[in-house]
Amino acid sequence: MTVEISNPVELPDPTPFGYSHVATARGELVFIAGQYDYGAQDSSAHDDAVGVGFAVQVDNAFAALETALRSVGLDFADIAQMRTYIVDHDSDKLSVVGRKTAAIWGNRAPAQTLTGVAALALPGMLFEVDAVAVRG
């Protein structure tokens, strides 16, 4: 299987942390690594994930996901499956994610697995989303 790895220049360089933003398999499936609130979208802010609130982190994570998708010519409509991770999950946070996905996809959201977690990769991270998209 041929896998193409890419890292959009608009997102922080993830290689020091041992991952890449996008992996495209066989030119059909595209795997997007977990995206989160990178701060001011400044590459130097990669290690500063502290947002000003959960809803802002959700918005910024989906903006980063959109950037990763567009870097390979795709958009939200191409996502078949995504996984979301919420620190200290509760119904209020679920509502925020539900409103965001409804704003993007309406009533045709992709398959999703939501996982409540104790912590994510960096201090202050409250939300992360990864995705599998289909080309064509």
N, C-alpha and C. Protein backbone atom coordinates (compact mmCIF):
# COMPACT_ATOMS: atom_id res chain seq x y z
N MET A 1 0.84 -1.17 0.00
CA MET A 1 0.00 0.00 0.00
C MET A 1 0.89 1.24 0.00
N THR A 2 0.55 2.19 -0.84
CA THR A 2 1.26 3.46 -0.90
C THR A 2 0.59 4.44 0.04
N VAL A 3 1.39 5.06 0.90
CA VAL A 3 0.89 6.05 1.83
C VAL A 3 1.66 7.34 1.61
N GLU A 4 0.92 8.43 1.39
CA GLU A 4 1.53 9.74 1.23
C GLU A 4 1.33 10.53 2.52
N ILE A 5 2.42 11.00 3.10
CA ILE A 5 2.38 11.77 4.34
C ILE A 5 2.58 13.23 3.99
N SER A 6 1.75 14.11 4.60
CA SER A 6 1.93 15.54 4.36
C SER A 6 1.59 16.34 5.62
N ASN A 7 2.16 17.53 5.68
CA ASN A 7 1.96 18.45 6.78
C ASN A 7 1.72 19.84 6.22
N PRO A 8 0.47 20.34 6.28
CA PRO A 8 0.19 21.66 5.73
C PRO A 8 1.05 22.73 6.41
N VAL A 9 1.60 23.62 5.62
CA VAL A 9 2.46 24.67 6.19
C VAL A 9 1.65 25.63 7.06
N GLU A 10 0.32 25.66 6.90
CA GLU A 10 -0.51 26.54 7.72
C GLU A 10 -0.71 26.02 9.14
N LEU A 11 -0.34 24.76 9.40
CA LEU A 11 -0.45 24.17 10.72
C LEU A 11 0.94 23.98 11.32
N PRO A 12 1.03 23.93 12.64
CA PRO A 12 2.33 23.74 13.29
C PRO A 12 2.99 22.43 12.86
N ASP A 13 4.31 22.43 12.83
CA ASP A 13 5.08 21.24 12.47
C ASP A 13 4.91 20.18 13.57
N PRO A 14 4.27 19.05 13.26
CA PRO A 14 4.04 18.03 14.28
C PRO A 14 5.18 17.03 14.43
N THR A 15 6.15 17.07 13.54
CA THR A 15 7.17 16.01 13.53
C THR A 15 7.97 15.90 14.82
N PRO A 16 8.24 16.99 15.55
CA PRO A 16 8.95 16.81 16.82
C PRO A 16 8.14 16.01 17.84
N PHE A 17 6.82 15.91 17.61
CA PHE A 17 5.96 15.19 18.54
C PHE A 17 5.63 13.78 18.05
N GLY A 18 6.22 13.37 16.92
CA GLY A 18 6.10 12.01 16.45
C GLY A 18 4.87 11.68 15.64
N TYR A 19 4.30 12.66 14.95
CA TYR A 19 3.16 12.36 14.09
C TYR A 19 3.13 13.32 12.91
N SER A 20 2.28 13.02 11.94
CA SER A 20 2.03 13.90 10.80
C SER A 20 0.56 14.25 10.80
N HIS A 21 0.19 15.36 10.16
CA HIS A 21 -1.20 15.79 10.13
C HIS A 21 -2.06 14.95 9.19
N VAL A 22 -1.52 14.54 8.03
CA VAL A 22 -2.35 13.90 7.01
C VAL A 22 -1.61 12.69 6.43
N ALA A 23 -2.36 11.58 6.30
CA ALA A 23 -1.85 10.39 5.62
C ALA A 23 -2.90 9.97 4.62
N THR A 24 -2.51 9.85 3.34
CA THR A 24 -3.44 9.44 2.29
C THR A 24 -3.04 8.04 1.84
N ALA A 25 -3.97 7.10 1.92
CA ALA A 25 -3.69 5.71 1.56
C ALA A 25 -4.33 5.39 0.22
N ARG A 26 -3.53 4.86 -0.70
CA ARG A 26 -4.01 4.42 -2.01
C ARG A 26 -4.75 5.51 -2.77
N GLY A 27 -4.55 6.75 -2.38
CA GLY A 27 -5.19 7.85 -3.08
C GLY A 27 -6.69 7.94 -2.86
N GLU A 28 -7.26 7.09 -2.04
CA GLU A 28 -8.70 7.08 -1.80
C GLU A 28 -9.06 7.46 -0.37
N LEU A 29 -8.41 6.84 0.59
CA LEU A 29 -8.68 7.14 2.00
C LEU A 29 -7.66 8.15 2.49
N VAL A 30 -8.14 9.14 3.24
CA VAL A 30 -7.25 10.16 3.79
C VAL A 30 -7.47 10.18 5.30
N PHE A 31 -6.39 10.02 6.03
CA PHE A 31 -6.44 9.97 7.49
C PHE A 31 -5.87 11.27 8.05
N ILE A 32 -6.67 11.98 8.85
CA ILE A 32 -6.25 13.24 9.43
C ILE A 32 -5.98 13.00 10.92
N ALA A 33 -4.78 13.33 11.35
CA ALA A 33 -4.39 13.17 12.75
C ALA A 33 -5.24 14.08 13.63
N GLY A 34 -5.22 13.82 14.91
CA GLY A 34 -5.96 14.63 15.86
C GLY A 34 -5.60 16.10 15.75
N GLN A 35 -6.62 16.93 15.60
CA GLN A 35 -6.44 18.37 15.49
C GLN A 35 -7.03 19.01 16.74
N TYR A 36 -6.40 20.08 17.20
CA TYR A 36 -6.84 20.74 18.42
C TYR A 36 -6.63 22.24 18.28
N ASP A 37 -6.87 22.97 19.33
CA ASP A 37 -6.70 24.42 19.34
C ASP A 37 -5.21 24.73 19.41
N TYR A 38 -4.64 25.12 18.28
CA TYR A 38 -3.21 25.41 18.22
C TYR A 38 -2.90 26.82 18.70
N GLY A 39 -3.84 27.48 19.31
CA GLY A 39 -3.62 28.84 19.76
C GLY A 39 -3.92 29.81 18.64
N ALA A 40 -3.03 30.71 18.39
CA ALA A 40 -3.24 31.76 17.37
C ALA A 40 -2.85 31.28 15.98
N GLN A 41 -2.92 29.98 15.72
CA GLN A 41 -2.53 29.40 14.44
C GLN A 41 -1.09 29.77 14.09
N ASP A 42 -0.29 29.99 15.08
CA ASP A 42 1.12 30.35 14.92
C ASP A 42 1.94 29.10 15.20
N SER A 43 2.83 28.75 14.31
CA SER A 43 3.59 27.51 14.47
C SER A 43 4.39 27.47 15.75
N SER A 44 4.76 28.62 16.29
CA SER A 44 5.51 28.64 17.54
C SER A 44 4.60 28.33 18.73
N ALA A 45 3.28 28.33 18.52
CA ALA A 45 2.34 28.10 19.61
C ALA A 45 1.96 26.63 19.73
N HIS A 46 2.67 25.74 19.03
CA HIS A 46 2.31 24.32 19.03
C HIS A 46 2.24 23.73 20.43
N ASP A 47 3.11 24.18 21.32
CA ASP A 47 3.11 23.61 22.66
C ASP A 47 2.23 24.40 23.63
N ASP A 48 1.44 25.35 23.14
CA ASP A 48 0.56 26.14 23.99
C ASP A 48 -0.87 25.94 23.54
N ALA A 49 -1.50 24.87 24.04
CA ALA A 49 -2.84 24.52 23.60
C ALA A 49 -3.93 25.11 24.48
N VAL A 50 -3.56 25.94 25.44
CA VAL A 50 -4.55 26.47 26.36
C VAL A 50 -5.45 27.46 25.64
N GLY A 51 -6.71 27.12 25.51
CA GLY A 51 -7.67 28.01 24.89
C GLY A 51 -8.40 28.82 25.94
N VAL A 52 -9.35 29.65 25.52
CA VAL A 52 -10.10 30.47 26.47
C VAL A 52 -11.42 29.83 26.84
N GLY A 53 -11.59 28.59 26.50
CA GLY A 53 -12.80 27.88 26.86
C GLY A 53 -13.03 26.72 25.91
N PHE A 54 -13.87 25.81 26.37
CA PHE A 54 -14.11 24.59 25.60
C PHE A 54 -14.66 24.89 24.21
N ALA A 55 -15.67 25.75 24.11
CA ALA A 55 -16.28 26.04 22.81
C ALA A 55 -15.27 26.63 21.84
N VAL A 56 -14.38 27.50 22.32
CA VAL A 56 -13.34 28.07 21.46
C VAL A 56 -12.40 26.98 20.99
N GLN A 57 -12.03 26.06 21.88
CA GLN A 57 -11.16 24.96 21.49
C GLN A 57 -11.83 24.08 20.44
N VAL A 58 -13.12 23.85 20.57
CA VAL A 58 -13.83 23.05 19.57
C VAL A 58 -13.80 23.77 18.22
N ASP A 59 -14.13 25.06 18.21
CA ASP A 59 -14.10 25.84 16.97
C ASP A 59 -12.72 25.80 16.32
N ASN A 60 -11.68 26.01 17.11
CA ASN A 60 -10.32 26.05 16.57
C ASN A 60 -9.85 24.67 16.11
N ALA A 61 -10.27 23.62 16.79
CA ALA A 61 -9.91 22.26 16.36
C ALA A 61 -10.55 21.94 15.01
N PHE A 62 -11.81 22.31 14.83
CA PHE A 62 -12.46 22.06 13.55
C PHE A 62 -11.88 22.95 12.45
N ALA A 63 -11.45 24.15 12.80
CA ALA A 63 -10.77 25.00 11.80
C ALA A 63 -9.47 24.35 11.36
N ALA A 64 -8.72 23.77 12.30
CA ALA A 64 -7.48 23.07 11.94
C ALA A 64 -7.78 21.84 11.10
N LEU A 65 -8.84 21.12 11.45
CA LEU A 65 -9.25 19.96 10.66
C LEU A 65 -9.58 20.39 9.23
N GLU A 66 -10.28 21.49 9.08
CA GLU A 66 -10.61 22.00 7.75
C GLU A 66 -9.35 22.36 6.97
N THR A 67 -8.37 22.96 7.64
CA THR A 67 -7.09 23.30 7.00
C THR A 67 -6.39 22.05 6.51
N ALA A 68 -6.36 21.02 7.35
CA ALA A 68 -5.72 19.76 6.95
C ALA A 68 -6.44 19.14 5.75
N LEU A 69 -7.76 19.15 5.76
CA LEU A 69 -8.53 18.60 4.63
C LEU A 69 -8.25 19.38 3.35
N ARG A 70 -8.30 20.69 3.43
CA ARG A 70 -8.10 21.52 2.23
C ARG A 70 -6.69 21.35 1.67
N SER A 71 -5.74 21.01 2.53
CA SER A 71 -4.36 20.85 2.05
C SER A 71 -4.24 19.70 1.06
N VAL A 72 -5.21 18.79 1.07
CA VAL A 72 -5.21 17.66 0.13
C VAL A 72 -6.45 17.70 -0.76
N GLY A 73 -7.05 18.88 -0.92
CA GLY A 73 -8.15 19.07 -1.85
C GLY A 73 -9.49 18.53 -1.40
N LEU A 74 -9.68 18.38 -0.10
CA LEU A 74 -10.93 17.85 0.43
C LEU A 74 -11.60 18.87 1.34
N ASP A 75 -12.82 18.57 1.77
CA ASP A 75 -13.49 19.41 2.75
C ASP A 75 -14.33 18.55 3.68
N PHE A 76 -15.09 19.19 4.56
CA PHE A 76 -15.86 18.44 5.56
C PHE A 76 -16.80 17.41 4.93
N ALA A 77 -17.33 17.70 3.75
CA ALA A 77 -18.26 16.77 3.10
C ALA A 77 -17.60 15.44 2.76
N ASP A 78 -16.28 15.40 2.70
CA ASP A 78 -15.56 14.17 2.35
C ASP A 78 -15.27 13.28 3.56
N ILE A 79 -15.57 13.75 4.75
CA ILE A 79 -15.30 12.95 5.96
C ILE A 79 -16.34 11.85 6.10
N ALA A 80 -15.86 10.62 6.25
CA ALA A 80 -16.74 9.48 6.47
C ALA A 80 -16.85 9.14 7.95
N GLN A 81 -15.76 9.36 8.68
CA GLN A 81 -15.73 8.98 10.09
C GLN A 81 -14.81 9.92 10.83
N MET A 82 -15.18 10.27 12.06
CA MET A 82 -14.29 11.06 12.91
C MET A 82 -14.39 10.56 14.34
N ARG A 83 -13.34 10.85 15.07
CA ARG A 83 -13.28 10.53 16.49
C ARG A 83 -13.03 11.83 17.24
N THR A 84 -13.80 12.05 18.29
CA THR A 84 -13.62 13.24 19.11
C THR A 84 -13.26 12.81 20.52
N TYR A 85 -12.43 13.61 21.15
CA TYR A 85 -11.94 13.32 22.50
C TYR A 85 -12.21 14.55 23.35
N ILE A 86 -12.89 14.35 24.49
CA ILE A 86 -13.26 15.45 25.37
C ILE A 86 -12.73 15.16 26.78
N VAL A 87 -11.96 16.11 27.30
CA VAL A 87 -11.48 16.00 28.68
C VAL A 87 -12.65 16.29 29.62
N ASP A 88 -12.84 15.42 30.61
CA ASP A 88 -13.91 15.58 31.60
C ASP A 88 -15.27 15.76 30.93
N HIS A 89 -15.59 14.84 30.05
CA HIS A 89 -16.83 14.89 29.26
C HIS A 89 -18.06 15.06 30.16
N ASP A 90 -18.98 15.91 29.71
CA ASP A 90 -20.28 16.05 30.35
C ASP A 90 -21.30 16.48 29.30
N SER A 91 -22.56 16.58 29.68
CA SER A 91 -23.60 16.89 28.70
C SER A 91 -23.47 18.30 28.13
N ASP A 92 -22.95 19.26 28.89
CA ASP A 92 -22.74 20.60 28.36
C ASP A 92 -21.72 20.59 27.23
N LYS A 93 -20.63 19.86 27.42
CA LYS A 93 -19.60 19.76 26.38
C LYS A 93 -20.14 19.00 25.17
N LEU A 94 -20.93 17.97 25.41
CA LEU A 94 -21.54 17.23 24.31
C LEU A 94 -22.44 18.15 23.49
N SER A 95 -23.15 19.04 24.14
CA SER A 95 -24.02 19.99 23.43
C SER A 95 -23.21 20.92 22.54
N VAL A 96 -22.04 21.36 23.02
CA VAL A 96 -21.18 22.23 22.22
C VAL A 96 -20.73 21.50 20.96
N VAL A 97 -20.29 20.26 21.11
CA VAL A 97 -19.86 19.47 19.96
C VAL A 97 -21.04 19.20 19.02
N GLY A 98 -22.20 18.91 19.58
CA GLY A 98 -23.38 18.67 18.76
C GLY A 98 -23.77 19.89 17.94
N ARG A 99 -23.70 21.07 18.55
CA ARG A 99 -24.01 22.30 17.80
C ARG A 99 -22.99 22.54 16.70
N LYS A 100 -21.73 22.27 16.98
CA LYS A 100 -20.69 22.48 15.97
C LYS A 100 -20.87 21.53 14.80
N THR A 101 -21.10 20.26 15.08
CA THR A 101 -21.27 19.31 13.98
C THR A 101 -22.54 19.63 13.19
N ALA A 102 -23.60 20.08 13.86
CA ALA A 102 -24.82 20.46 13.15
C ALA A 102 -24.57 21.67 12.26
N ALA A 103 -23.76 22.61 12.74
CA ALA A 103 -23.45 23.79 11.93
C ALA A 103 -22.67 23.42 10.67
N ILE A 104 -21.85 22.39 10.76
CA ILE A 104 -21.04 21.97 9.62
C ILE A 104 -21.82 21.04 8.69
N TRP A 105 -22.48 20.03 9.25
CA TRP A 105 -23.09 18.98 8.43
C TRP A 105 -24.62 18.95 8.46
N GLY A 106 -25.25 19.77 9.25
CA GLY A 106 -26.70 19.67 9.38
C GLY A 106 -27.07 18.33 10.00
N ASN A 107 -28.03 17.63 9.40
CA ASN A 107 -28.42 16.32 9.94
C ASN A 107 -27.72 15.17 9.22
N ARG A 108 -26.62 15.45 8.51
CA ARG A 108 -25.88 14.41 7.78
C ARG A 108 -24.42 14.35 8.25
N ALA A 109 -24.23 14.35 9.56
CA ALA A 109 -22.88 14.27 10.12
C ALA A 109 -22.28 12.90 9.84
N PRO A 110 -20.95 12.84 9.73
CA PRO A 110 -20.30 11.54 9.52
C PRO A 110 -20.43 10.66 10.76
N ALA A 111 -20.09 9.39 10.59
CA ALA A 111 -20.03 8.50 11.75
C ALA A 111 -19.04 9.10 12.74
N GLN A 112 -19.36 9.00 14.01
CA GLN A 112 -18.50 9.63 15.02
C GLN A 112 -18.44 8.76 16.26
N THR A 113 -17.25 8.67 16.82
CA THR A 113 -17.07 8.06 18.13
C THR A 113 -16.55 9.15 19.05
N LEU A 114 -17.27 9.41 20.13
CA LEU A 114 -16.85 10.39 21.12
C LEU A 114 -16.29 9.64 22.32
N THR A 115 -15.12 10.04 22.75
CA THR A 115 -14.48 9.39 23.90
C THR A 115 -14.19 10.44 24.96
N GLY A 116 -14.67 10.19 26.16
CA GLY A 116 -14.31 11.04 27.30
C GLY A 116 -12.98 10.57 27.84
N VAL A 117 -12.07 11.51 28.09
CA VAL A 117 -10.73 11.17 28.55
C VAL A 117 -10.35 12.02 29.75
N ALA A 118 -9.37 11.55 30.52
CA ALA A 118 -8.89 12.30 31.67
C ALA A 118 -7.97 13.44 31.24
N ALA A 119 -7.22 13.22 30.17
CA ALA A 119 -6.28 14.24 29.68
C ALA A 119 -5.96 13.95 28.23
N LEU A 120 -5.45 14.98 27.54
CA LEU A 120 -4.98 14.83 26.17
C LEU A 120 -3.47 15.10 26.15
N ALA A 121 -2.88 15.21 24.98
CA ALA A 121 -1.42 15.23 24.83
C ALA A 121 -0.72 16.38 25.55
N LEU A 122 -1.35 17.56 25.58
CA LEU A 122 -0.70 18.74 26.16
C LEU A 122 -1.56 19.33 27.27
N PRO A 123 -0.93 19.92 28.26
CA PRO A 123 -1.72 20.57 29.33
C PRO A 123 -2.64 21.63 28.73
N GLY A 124 -3.85 21.69 29.22
CA GLY A 124 -4.80 22.68 28.77
C GLY A 124 -5.65 22.25 27.59
N MET A 125 -5.29 21.18 26.91
CA MET A 125 -6.12 20.68 25.81
C MET A 125 -7.39 20.08 26.39
N LEU A 126 -8.53 20.53 25.87
CA LEU A 126 -9.82 20.02 26.32
C LEU A 126 -10.55 19.24 25.24
N PHE A 127 -10.12 19.38 23.99
CA PHE A 127 -10.84 18.76 22.86
C PHE A 127 -9.86 18.44 21.74
N GLU A 128 -10.11 17.32 21.08
CA GLU A 128 -9.32 16.92 19.90
C GLU A 128 -10.24 16.14 18.97
N VAL A 129 -10.00 16.29 17.64
CA VAL A 129 -10.80 15.57 16.66
C VAL A 129 -9.87 15.03 15.57
N ASP A 130 -10.06 13.76 15.19
CA ASP A 130 -9.37 13.22 14.04
C ASP A 130 -10.41 12.70 13.05
N ALA A 131 -9.98 12.38 11.84
CA ALA A 131 -10.97 12.03 10.83
C ALA A 131 -10.40 11.11 9.76
N VAL A 132 -11.30 10.38 9.12
CA VAL A 132 -10.99 9.61 7.93
C VAL A 132 -11.91 10.15 6.83
N ALA A 133 -11.30 10.60 5.75
CA ALA A 133 -12.05 11.15 4.62
C ALA A 133 -11.86 10.23 3.41
N VAL A 134 -12.79 10.36 2.46
CA VAL A 134 -12.75 9.54 1.25
C VAL A 134 -12.64 10.48 0.05
N ARG A 135 -11.62 10.25 -0.76
CA ARG A 135 -11.43 11.05 -1.97
C ARG A 135 -12.35 10.54 -3.06
N GLY A 136 -13.03 11.48 -3.74
CA GLY A 136 -13.89 11.11 -4.85
C GLY A 136 -15.26 10.74 -4.39
